[in-house]
Amino acid sequence: MLEQIQERVDEARTSLSEHVGGHHEPDGVNEGITATENLLAYGAAIAATFVARQALQASWRTALDRDPPVNPSSPEVNWKDALLWGAISGALVGMTRIASRRSASAFYDRL
């Protein structure tokens, strides 16, 4: 009985691996990325995210003539501002992180 379960688990694992293209990424780390490259990309993402958030906060102040919400989940922040800030900052920060990590990796590859 235990052997049959193990056999089915192995079949499911093989099927899933084939379904997702056979990519194997141990511990969630991309294969072929060195620790140095990953550290460079991480540092670039942090710096770029900080700059993007500062620019977004300045843009919010300019456009709406008030400070952006510090804590959008606070009951003192109206729904419109909370949702607008969450959508815009989430999208901008996400795109910034991806772009900065890809740029850092491309820079590392050129070295």
C-alpha atoms as a PDB file:
ATOM      1  CA  MET A   1       0.000   0.000   0.000  1.00  0.00           C
ATOM      2  CA  LEU A   2       2.758   2.446   0.964  1.00  0.00           C
ATOM      3  CA  GLU A   3       4.676   1.571  -2.204  1.00  0.00           C
ATOM      4  CA  GLN A   4       1.622   2.391  -4.333  1.00  0.00           C
ATOM      5  CA  ILE A   5       1.266   5.782  -2.669  1.00  0.00           C
ATOM      6  CA  GLN A   6       4.954   6.512  -3.202  1.00  0.00           C
ATOM      7  CA  GLU A   7       4.643   5.436  -6.828  1.00  0.00           C
ATOM      8  CA  ARG A   8       1.678   7.777  -7.399  1.00  0.00           C
ATOM      9  CA  VAL A   9       3.504  10.662  -5.724  1.00  0.00           C
ATOM     10  CA  ASP A  10       6.497  10.092  -8.008  1.00  0.00           C
ATOM     11  CA  GLU A  11       4.217   9.982 -11.067  1.00  0.00           C
ATOM     12  CA  ALA A  12       2.498  13.206 -10.014  1.00  0.00           C
ATOM     13  CA  ARG A  13       5.873  14.894  -9.452  1.00  0.00           C
ATOM     14  CA  THR A  14       7.086  13.807 -12.897  1.00  0.00           C
ATOM     15  CA  SER A  15       3.850  14.941 -14.531  1.00  0.00           C
ATOM     16  CA  LEU A  16       3.992  18.311 -12.817  1.00  0.00           C
ATOM     17  CA  SER A  17       7.635  18.766 -13.774  1.00  0.00           C
ATOM     18  CA  GLU A  18       6.827  18.057 -17.421  1.00  0.00           C
ATOM     19  CA  HIS A  19       3.804  20.350 -17.291  1.00  0.00           C
ATOM     20  CA  VAL A  20       5.782  23.376 -16.109  1.00  0.00           C
ATOM     21  CA  GLY A  21       8.500  22.851 -18.667  1.00  0.00           C
ATOM     22  CA  GLY A  22      10.822  20.754 -16.591  1.00  0.00           C
ATOM     23  CA  HIS A  23      12.400  23.763 -14.897  1.00  0.00           C
ATOM     24  CA  HIS A  24      14.029  22.907 -11.621  1.00  0.00           C
ATOM     25  CA  GLU A  25      14.940  25.734  -9.300  1.00  0.00           C
ATOM     26  CA  PRO A  26      16.318  24.424  -6.014  1.00  0.00           C
ATOM     27  CA  ASP A  27      15.275  26.423  -2.971  1.00  0.00           C
ATOM     28  CA  GLY A  28      13.543  28.997  -5.192  1.00  0.00           C
ATOM     29  CA  VAL A  29      16.860  30.334  -6.485  1.00  0.00           C
ATOM     30  CA  ASN A  30      17.301  30.801 -10.213  1.00  0.00           C
ATOM     31  CA  GLU A  31      19.852  28.444 -11.659  1.00  0.00           C
ATOM     32  CA  GLY A  32      22.913  30.129 -13.130  1.00  0.00           C
ATOM     33  CA  ILE A  33      22.714  33.186 -10.886  1.00  0.00           C
ATOM     34  CA  THR A  34      25.800  33.597  -8.726  1.00  0.00           C
ATOM     35  CA  ALA A  35      25.630  34.952  -5.202  1.00  0.00           C
ATOM     36  CA  THR A  36      27.472  38.093  -6.349  1.00  0.00           C
ATOM     37  CA  GLU A  37      25.019  38.723  -9.175  1.00  0.00           C
ATOM     38  CA  ASN A  38      22.080  38.133  -6.866  1.00  0.00           C
ATOM     39  CA  LEU A  39      23.523  40.555  -4.286  1.00  0.00           C
ATOM     40  CA  LEU A  40      24.100  43.206  -6.972  1.00  0.00           C
ATOM     41  CA  ALA A  41      20.535  42.783  -8.274  1.00  0.00           C
ATOM     42  CA  TYR A  42      19.122  42.923  -4.747  1.00  0.00           C
ATOM     43  CA  GLY A  43      21.041  46.119  -3.935  1.00  0.00           C
ATOM     44  CA  ALA A  44      19.938  47.717  -7.198  1.00  0.00           C
ATOM     45  CA  ALA A  45      16.322  46.793  -6.481  1.00  0.00           C
ATOM     46  CA  ILE A  46      16.451  48.353  -3.014  1.00  0.00           C
ATOM     47  CA  ALA A  47      17.994  51.578  -4.298  1.00  0.00           C
ATOM     48  CA  ALA A  48      15.651  51.858  -7.284  1.00  0.00           C
ATOM     49  CA  THR A  49      12.613  51.136  -5.115  1.00  0.00           C
ATOM     50  CA  PHE A  50      13.615  53.883  -2.680  1.00  0.00           C
ATOM     51  CA  VAL A  51      14.012  56.396  -5.531  1.00  0.00           C
ATOM     52  CA  ALA A  52      10.705  55.327  -7.126  1.00  0.00           C
ATOM     53  CA  ARG A  53       8.791  55.707  -3.848  1.00  0.00           C
ATOM     54  CA  GLN A  54      10.290  59.163  -3.252  1.00  0.00           C
ATOM     55  CA  ALA A  55       9.332  60.229  -6.777  1.00  0.00           C
ATOM     56  CA  LEU A  56       5.842  58.799  -6.355  1.00  0.00           C
ATOM     57  CA  GLN A  57       5.334  60.612  -3.047  1.00  0.00           C
ATOM     58  CA  ALA A  58       6.502  63.902  -4.600  1.00  0.00           C
ATOM     59  CA  SER A  59       4.181  63.354  -7.578  1.00  0.00           C
ATOM     60  CA  TRP A  60       1.241  62.654  -5.252  1.00  0.00           C
ATOM     61  CA  ARG A  61       1.936  65.864  -3.310  1.00  0.00           C
ATOM     62  CA  THR A  62       2.171  67.884  -6.522  1.00  0.00           C
ATOM     63  CA  ALA A  63      -0.922  66.408  -8.158  1.00  0.00           C
ATOM     64  CA  LEU A  64      -3.231  66.294  -5.134  1.00  0.00           C
ATOM     65  CA  ASP A  65      -1.733  69.021  -2.922  1.00  0.00           C
ATOM     66  CA  ARG A  66      -1.597  66.698   0.121  1.00  0.00           C
ATOM     67  CA  ASP A  67       0.660  64.011   1.537  1.00  0.00           C
ATOM     68  CA  PRO A  68       0.155  60.421   0.413  1.00  0.00           C
ATOM     69  CA  PRO A  69      -1.286  58.022   3.001  1.00  0.00           C
ATOM     70  CA  VAL A  70       1.350  56.718   5.405  1.00  0.00           C
ATOM     71  CA  ASN A  71      -0.834  53.772   6.365  1.00  0.00           C
ATOM     72  CA  PRO A  72      -3.530  53.123   3.748  1.00  0.00           C
ATOM     73  CA  SER A  73      -5.255  50.601   6.018  1.00  0.00           C
ATOM     74  CA  SER A  74      -5.876  53.244   8.677  1.00  0.00           C
ATOM     75  CA  PRO A  75      -9.554  54.159   9.159  1.00  0.00           C
ATOM     76  CA  GLU A  76      -8.511  57.816   8.963  1.00  0.00           C
ATOM     77  CA  VAL A  77      -7.597  57.397   5.270  1.00  0.00           C
ATOM     78  CA  ASN A  78     -10.543  57.485   2.886  1.00  0.00           C
ATOM     79  CA  TRP A  79     -11.104  54.485   0.617  1.00  0.00           C
ATOM     80  CA  LYS A  80     -10.388  56.352  -2.594  1.00  0.00           C
ATOM     81  CA  ASP A  81      -6.955  57.502  -1.428  1.00  0.00           C
ATOM     82  CA  ALA A  82      -6.125  54.117   0.101  1.00  0.00           C
ATOM     83  CA  LEU A  83      -7.002  52.182  -3.057  1.00  0.00           C
ATOM     84  CA  LEU A  84      -5.411  54.699  -5.403  1.00  0.00           C
ATOM     85  CA  TRP A  85      -2.186  54.778  -3.408  1.00  0.00           C
ATOM     86  CA  GLY A  86      -2.091  50.976  -3.144  1.00  0.00           C
ATOM     87  CA  ALA A  87      -2.653  50.439  -6.855  1.00  0.00           C
ATOM     88  CA  ILE A  88      -0.214  53.057  -8.075  1.00  0.00           C
ATOM     89  CA  SER A  89       2.559  52.390  -5.569  1.00  0.00           C
ATOM     90  CA  GLY A  90       2.242  48.617  -5.913  1.00  0.00           C
ATOM     91  CA  ALA A  91       2.448  48.713  -9.691  1.00  0.00           C
ATOM     92  CA  LEU A  92       5.287  51.234  -9.787  1.00  0.00           C
ATOM     93  CA  VAL A  93       7.363  49.535  -7.110  1.00  0.00           C
ATOM     94  CA  GLY A  94       6.839  46.105  -8.683  1.00  0.00           C
ATOM     95  CA  MET A  95       7.882  47.295 -12.131  1.00  0.00           C
ATOM     96  CA  THR A  96      10.861  49.150 -10.656  1.00  0.00           C
ATOM     97  CA  ARG A  97      12.093  46.055  -8.833  1.00  0.00           C
ATOM     98  CA  ILE A  98      11.849  43.898 -11.936  1.00  0.00           C
ATOM     99  CA  ALA A  99      13.525  46.473 -14.179  1.00  0.00           C
ATOM    100  CA  SER A 100      16.335  47.140 -11.713  1.00  0.00           C
ATOM    101  CA  ARG A 101      17.057  43.462 -11.108  1.00  0.00           C
ATOM    102  CA  ARG A 102      17.105  42.738 -14.843  1.00  0.00           C
ATOM    103  CA  SER A 103      19.331  45.749 -15.495  1.00  0.00           C
ATOM    104  CA  ALA A 104      21.714  44.736 -12.729  1.00  0.00           C
ATOM    105  CA  SER A 105      21.911  41.195 -14.107  1.00  0.00           C
ATOM    106  CA  ALA A 106      22.599  42.507 -17.609  1.00  0.00           C
ATOM    107  CA  PHE A 107      25.312  44.793 -16.199  1.00  0.00           C
ATOM    108  CA  TYR A 108      26.843  41.859 -14.325  1.00  0.00           C
ATOM    109  CA  ASP A 109      26.838  39.744 -17.492  1.00  0.00           C
ATOM    110  CA  ARG A 110      28.741  42.487 -19.361  1.00  0.00           C
ATOM    111  CA  LEU A 111      31.460  42.478 -16.688  1.00  0.00           C
END
